[in-house]
Amino acid sequence: MPQLNPSPWLAILMFSWLNLLTIIPTKILNHISPNEPTPVSAEKHKTESWDWPW
C-alpha cells in the first residue's frame, strides 16, 4: 500500500509548514495599512451637566 509510505508525505508536510512559517508571514507583514491612524488631539471636550427633570 503506497499511501502508508511516509517518505513523500513527510517531505510535503515539512515543506508546506516551512512555507507557512517563513514565506507567507513576511509577505503579509510587508503590506502597509491603507488607513494610517491619525493622532488624537489632546484637547478636552467641554461637557455640560444635565439636570434630571425628576
PDB file of N, CA and C in Angstrom:
ATOM      1  N   MET A   1       0.845  -1.178   0.000  1.00  0.00           N
ATOM      2  CA  MET A   1       0.000   0.000   0.000  1.00  0.00           C
ATOM      3  C   MET A   1       0.891   1.242   0.000  1.00  0.00           C
ATOM      4  N   PRO A   2       0.950   1.954  -1.094  1.00  0.00           N
ATOM      5  CA  PRO A   2       1.881   3.083  -1.187  1.00  0.00           C
ATOM      6  C   PRO A   2       1.472   4.285  -0.329  1.00  0.00           C
ATOM      7  N   GLN A   3       0.198   4.401   0.034  1.00  0.00           N
ATOM      8  CA  GLN A   3      -0.205   5.557   0.836  1.00  0.00           C
ATOM      9  C   GLN A   3       0.322   5.465   2.270  1.00  0.00           C
ATOM     10  N   LEU A   4       0.790   4.309   2.685  1.00  0.00           N
ATOM     11  CA  LEU A   4       1.345   4.167   4.022  1.00  0.00           C
ATOM     12  C   LEU A   4       2.835   4.471   4.068  1.00  0.00           C
ATOM     13  N   ASN A   5       3.441   4.704   2.926  1.00  0.00           N
ATOM     14  CA  ASN A   5       4.852   5.048   2.875  1.00  0.00           C
ATOM     15  C   ASN A   5       4.996   6.515   3.290  1.00  0.00           C
ATOM     16  N   PRO A   6       5.640   6.819   4.416  1.00  0.00           N
ATOM     17  CA  PRO A   6       5.661   8.198   4.920  1.00  0.00           C
ATOM     18  C   PRO A   6       6.665   9.114   4.239  1.00  0.00           C
ATOM     19  N   SER A   7       7.554   8.591   3.422  1.00  0.00           N
ATOM     20  CA  SER A   7       8.624   9.447   2.915  1.00  0.00           C
ATOM     21  C   SER A   7       8.122  10.591   2.023  1.00  0.00           C
ATOM     22  N   PRO A   8       7.246  10.398   1.022  1.00  0.00           N
ATOM     23  CA  PRO A   8       6.841  11.574   0.243  1.00  0.00           C
ATOM     24  C   PRO A   8       5.918  12.500   1.033  1.00  0.00           C
ATOM     25  N   TRP A   9       5.072  11.946   1.883  1.00  0.00           N
ATOM     26  CA  TRP A   9       4.117  12.782   2.608  1.00  0.00           C
ATOM     27  C   TRP A   9       4.792  13.571   3.709  1.00  0.00           C
ATOM     28  N   LEU A  10       5.826  13.005   4.291  1.00  0.00           N
ATOM     29  CA  LEU A  10       6.566  13.744   5.313  1.00  0.00           C
ATOM     30  C   LEU A  10       7.292  14.938   4.695  1.00  0.00           C
ATOM     31  N   ALA A  11       7.846  14.756   3.532  1.00  0.00           N
ATOM     32  CA  ALA A  11       8.532  15.865   2.852  1.00  0.00           C
ATOM     33  C   ALA A  11       7.534  16.951   2.460  1.00  0.00           C
ATOM     34  N   ILE A  12       6.364  16.552   1.970  1.00  0.00           N
ATOM     35  CA  ILE A  12       5.333  17.529   1.608  1.00  0.00           C
ATOM     36  C   ILE A  12       4.877  18.292   2.843  1.00  0.00           C
ATOM     37  N   LEU A  13       4.689  17.599   3.954  1.00  0.00           N
ATOM     38  CA  LEU A  13       4.285  18.249   5.196  1.00  0.00           C
ATOM     39  C   LEU A  13       5.341  19.237   5.673  1.00  0.00           C
ATOM     40  N   MET A  14       6.599  18.836   5.643  1.00  0.00           N
ATOM     41  CA  MET A  14       7.663  19.719   6.111  1.00  0.00           C
ATOM     42  C   MET A  14       7.806  20.945   5.222  1.00  0.00           C
ATOM     43  N   PHE A  15       7.732  20.789   3.906  1.00  0.00           N
ATOM     44  CA  PHE A  15       7.854  21.938   3.012  1.00  0.00           C
ATOM     45  C   PHE A  15       6.655  22.868   3.113  1.00  0.00           C
ATOM     46  N   SER A  16       5.478  22.324   3.339  1.00  0.00           N
ATOM     47  CA  SER A  16       4.310  23.193   3.476  1.00  0.00           C
ATOM     48  C   SER A  16       4.386  23.989   4.778  1.00  0.00           C
ATOM     49  N   TRP A  17       4.840  23.372   5.872  1.00  0.00           N
ATOM     50  CA  TRP A  17       4.992  24.118   7.117  1.00  0.00           C
ATOM     51  C   TRP A  17       6.122  25.136   7.014  1.00  0.00           C
ATOM     52  N   LEU A  18       7.170  24.798   6.319  1.00  0.00           N
ATOM     53  CA  LEU A  18       8.252  25.756   6.093  1.00  0.00           C
ATOM     54  C   LEU A  18       7.737  26.958   5.320  1.00  0.00           C
ATOM     55  N   ASN A  19       6.899  26.705   4.339  1.00  0.00           N
ATOM     56  CA  ASN A  19       6.302  27.772   3.554  1.00  0.00           C
ATOM     57  C   ASN A  19       5.387  28.622   4.422  1.00  0.00           C
ATOM     58  N   LEU A  20       4.561  27.979   5.220  1.00  0.00           N
ATOM     59  CA  LEU A  20       3.613  28.721   6.049  1.00  0.00           C
ATOM     60  C   LEU A  20       4.310  29.557   7.119  1.00  0.00           C
ATOM     61  N   LEU A  21       5.389  29.056   7.677  1.00  0.00           N
ATOM     62  CA  LEU A  21       6.023  29.735   8.795  1.00  0.00           C
ATOM     63  C   LEU A  21       7.080  30.756   8.397  1.00  0.00           C
ATOM     64  N   THR A  22       7.570  30.720   7.167  1.00  0.00           N
ATOM     65  CA  THR A  22       8.632  31.657   6.791  1.00  0.00           C
ATOM     66  C   THR A  22       8.213  32.607   5.673  1.00  0.00           C
ATOM     67  N   ILE A  23       7.675  32.094   4.605  1.00  0.00           N
ATOM     68  CA  ILE A  23       7.431  32.928   3.427  1.00  0.00           C
ATOM     69  C   ILE A  23       6.150  33.735   3.558  1.00  0.00           C
ATOM     70  N   ILE A  24       5.073  33.110   3.964  1.00  0.00           N
ATOM     71  CA  ILE A  24       3.775  33.785   3.989  1.00  0.00           C
ATOM     72  C   ILE A  24       3.721  34.916   5.021  1.00  0.00           C
ATOM     73  N   PRO A  25       4.190  34.758   6.276  1.00  0.00           N
ATOM     74  CA  PRO A  25       4.122  35.901   7.207  1.00  0.00           C
ATOM     75  C   PRO A  25       4.928  37.104   6.747  1.00  0.00           C
ATOM     76  N   THR A  26       6.069  36.896   6.093  1.00  0.00           N
ATOM     77  CA  THR A  26       6.847  38.038   5.620  1.00  0.00           C
ATOM     78  C   THR A  26       6.119  38.765   4.504  1.00  0.00           C
ATOM     79  N   LYS A  27       5.411  38.042   3.656  1.00  0.00           N
ATOM     80  CA  LYS A  27       4.641  38.693   2.596  1.00  0.00           C
ATOM     81  C   LYS A  27       3.476  39.480   3.176  1.00  0.00           C
ATOM     82  N   ILE A  28       2.842  38.952   4.207  1.00  0.00           N
ATOM     83  CA  ILE A  28       1.701  39.648   4.808  1.00  0.00           C
ATOM     84  C   ILE A  28       2.175  40.887   5.567  1.00  0.00           C
ATOM     85  N   LEU A  29       3.276  40.786   6.300  1.00  0.00           N
ATOM     86  CA  LEU A  29       3.749  41.905   7.105  1.00  0.00           C
ATOM     87  C   LEU A  29       4.348  43.030   6.265  1.00  0.00           C
ATOM     88  N   ASN A  30       4.664  42.783   5.000  1.00  0.00           N
ATOM     89  CA  ASN A  30       5.214  43.826   4.149  1.00  0.00           C
ATOM     90  C   ASN A  30       4.158  44.792   3.653  1.00  0.00           C
ATOM     91  N   HIS A  31       2.895  44.451   3.759  1.00  0.00           N
ATOM     92  CA  HIS A  31       1.844  45.340   3.295  1.00  0.00           C
ATOM     93  C   HIS A  31       1.659  46.480   4.284  1.00  0.00           C
ATOM     94  N   ILE A  32       1.434  47.667   3.730  1.00  0.00           N
ATOM     95  CA  ILE A  32       1.219  48.849   4.563  1.00  0.00           C
ATOM     96  C   ILE A  32      -0.277  49.060   4.673  1.00  0.00           C
ATOM     97  N   SER A  33      -0.717  49.421   5.850  1.00  0.00           N
ATOM     98  CA  SER A  33      -2.131  49.673   6.076  1.00  0.00           C
ATOM     99  C   SER A  33      -2.554  50.903   5.283  1.00  0.00           C
ATOM    100  N   PRO A  34      -3.640  50.835   4.506  1.00  0.00           N
ATOM    101  CA  PRO A  34      -4.048  51.989   3.703  1.00  0.00           C
ATOM    102  C   PRO A  34      -4.576  53.148   4.544  1.00  0.00           C
ATOM    103  N   ASN A  35      -5.083  52.881   5.705  1.00  0.00           N
ATOM    104  CA  ASN A  35      -5.620  53.926   6.565  1.00  0.00           C
ATOM    105  C   ASN A  35      -4.757  54.027   7.810  1.00  0.00           C
ATOM    106  N   GLU A  36      -3.770  54.906   7.750  1.00  0.00           N
ATOM    107  CA  GLU A  36      -2.908  55.102   8.907  1.00  0.00           C
ATOM    108  C   GLU A  36      -3.705  55.817   9.993  1.00  0.00           C
ATOM    109  N   PRO A  37      -3.544  55.437  11.237  1.00  0.00           N
ATOM    110  CA  PRO A  37      -4.301  56.093  12.301  1.00  0.00           C
ATOM    111  C   PRO A  37      -3.834  57.530  12.488  1.00  0.00           C
ATOM    112  N   THR A  38      -4.785  58.426  12.662  1.00  0.00           N
ATOM    113  CA  THR A  38      -4.442  59.824  12.891  1.00  0.00           C
ATOM    114  C   THR A  38      -4.319  60.052  14.392  1.00  0.00           C
ATOM    115  N   PRO A  39      -3.369  60.885  14.798  1.00  0.00           N
ATOM    116  CA  PRO A  39      -3.222  61.126  16.242  1.00  0.00           C
ATOM    117  C   PRO A  39      -4.421  61.918  16.775  1.00  0.00           C
ATOM    118  N   VAL A  40      -4.854  61.547  17.950  1.00  0.00           N
ATOM    119  CA  VAL A  40      -5.987  62.203  18.584  1.00  0.00           C
ATOM    120  C   VAL A  40      -5.471  63.441  19.309  1.00  0.00           C
ATOM    121  N   SER A  41      -6.178  64.534  19.136  1.00  0.00           N
ATOM    122  CA  SER A  41      -5.740  65.765  19.795  1.00  0.00           C
ATOM    123  C   SER A  41      -5.958  65.649  21.301  1.00  0.00           C
ATOM    124  N   ALA A  42      -5.130  66.368  22.047  1.00  0.00           N
ATOM    125  CA  ALA A  42      -5.201  66.312  23.498  1.00  0.00           C
ATOM    126  C   ALA A  42      -6.230  67.294  24.045  1.00  0.00           C
ATOM    127  N   GLU A  43      -7.007  67.909  23.168  1.00  0.00           N
ATOM    128  CA  GLU A  43      -7.995  68.897  23.596  1.00  0.00           C
ATOM    129  C   GLU A  43      -9.123  68.220  24.362  1.00  0.00           C
ATOM    130  N   LYS A  44      -9.450  68.804  25.507  1.00  0.00           N
ATOM    131  CA  LYS A  44     -10.539  68.251  26.314  1.00  0.00           C
ATOM    132  C   LYS A  44     -11.861  68.780  25.762  1.00  0.00           C
ATOM    133  N   HIS A  45     -12.818  67.890  25.674  1.00  0.00           N
ATOM    134  CA  HIS A  45     -14.146  68.312  25.227  1.00  0.00           C
ATOM    135  C   HIS A  45     -14.916  68.892  26.400  1.00  0.00           C
ATOM    136  N   LYS A  46     -15.631  69.974  26.116  1.00  0.00           N
ATOM    137  CA  LYS A  46     -16.403  70.612  27.174  1.00  0.00           C
ATOM    138  C   LYS A  46     -17.688  69.822  27.375  1.00  0.00           C
ATOM    139  N   THR A  47     -17.878  69.350  28.575  1.00  0.00           N
ATOM    140  CA  THR A  47     -19.088  68.600  28.885  1.00  0.00           C
ATOM    141  C   THR A  47     -19.970  69.452  29.781  1.00  0.00           C
ATOM    142  N   GLU A  48     -21.221  69.431  29.509  1.00  0.00           N
ATOM    143  CA  GLU A  48     -22.173  70.189  30.311  1.00  0.00           C
ATOM    144  C   GLU A  48     -22.975  69.218  31.161  1.00  0.00           C
ATOM    145  N   SER A  49     -23.295  69.678  32.382  1.00  0.00           N
ATOM    146  CA  SER A  49     -24.086  68.814  33.251  1.00  0.00           C
ATOM    147  C   SER A  49     -25.528  68.804  32.767  1.00  0.00           C
ATOM    148  N   TRP A  50     -26.195  67.734  33.051  1.00  0.00           N
ATOM    149  CA  TRP A  50     -27.560  67.578  32.585  1.00  0.00           C
ATOM    150  C   TRP A  50     -28.456  67.503  33.813  1.00  0.00           C
ATOM    151  N   ASP A  51     -29.389  68.412  33.904  1.00  0.00           N
ATOM    152  CA  ASP A  51     -30.307  68.429  35.033  1.00  0.00           C
ATOM    153  C   ASP A  51     -31.427  67.422  34.798  1.00  0.00           C
ATOM    154  N   TRP A  52     -31.556  66.504  35.718  1.00  0.00           N
ATOM    155  CA  TRP A  52     -32.608  65.495  35.591  1.00  0.00           C
ATOM    156  C   TRP A  52     -33.950  66.143  35.925  1.00  0.00           C
ATOM    157  N   PRO A  53     -34.976  65.871  35.136  1.00  0.00           N
ATOM    158  CA  PRO A  53     -36.257  66.533  35.370  1.00  0.00           C
ATOM    159  C   PRO A  53     -37.020  65.991  36.563  1.00  0.00           C
ATOM    160  N   TRP A  54     -36.542  65.034  37.280  1.00  0.00           N
ATOM    161  CA  TRP A  54     -37.271  64.482  38.414  1.00  0.00           C
ATOM    162  C   TRP A  54     -36.484  64.776  39.618  1.00  0.00           C
TER     163      TRP A  54
END
